[in-house]
Amino acid sequence: MASPIIKSTNLFLVDDDMIFCRTARQQLASLDFNVRCFHDYSSLVAALPHENPDLILLSMFSQDDDGCGICRKIRSISTVPLIMLSCIECSRQASHCLEAGADDYIIKPCDFQEVAARVRAVMRRHHAVPSHHDASTHPDLHYRLGFSGLSIDVMTGMIDGGLSLQQLSDTEAALMQELIGSAPGTVCRERLSRSALRRAWSVGDRTIDVLIGRLRKKLALVTDEVSLITVRGGGYALRPNTAKIAAVHSIGARQPA
């Protein structure tokens, strides 16, 4: 019997350090990854409309470069998973990258076994939900989770709250599913981290907090009936917007009989 063909994972690595690129390509090739290297951002952006990598490893070239801006540009044209690489061990820098649309942030110098594990974790999140094309061509794949007028299409990551629709990233969608599924109960950071990031949460890790901030902005665009609140010492929770409910009741109370 013929052996099954195993598809290798295709990575785009963007870094201006040619020695690092050569080392990364060799190390990751030994872990079953095909790596194509780019030495500047413009080459990557030019290649993306014509090629479809499984994941991008995008280096910050210096503290002053605009890697986050490039990340936003990539996000405007592609949903390919993206991990930022940086020599800067700074929670603010990591937060900016995640807010720009990165799925993870790795400090250099890095162990390539860890890089491979992070890549696989991000890709598991990305492929846990069928693509938008699959969902649109197979309507039976659609199902929704809901709470207090807010709902998420589990297959596409689209949220709807009555005011508008907003598309969530795969990581944001994983968080929202946990929050809606537990609402109005509290979901701890550890559970959110394991669900959305596929790793344990540690004190000082602000990744979940940054993602929650992104979710709050999108949630405010789709509904004024539900709030995403921080529960001190507990985590996060979706709750009915009591201020909105009180205002509605107040208006109703003033209506003439």
Foldseek 3Di string as FASTA:
>chain_A
DDDDDDDAAEEEEEALDVVVQVVLQVVVVVVRHHYDYDDDLVVVVVCVVPDDGQEYEYEDHDPPDPSLVSLLVCVVPDLRAYEYEYQDPDLVVQLSNVLSPHLYYYHPPDDSVVVVVQSVLSSCLQVVADEPVVCVVPVVQWDWFDDQQWIATLRQQWIARPQDIDHDRSLLSQLVCVQSVQPQDFDAPQRSCCRRRVDGDDPPNCSVVSSVVVVQVVVVRHHPQWHWDQDVPTHIHIDGNVVVVVVVVVVVVPDDD
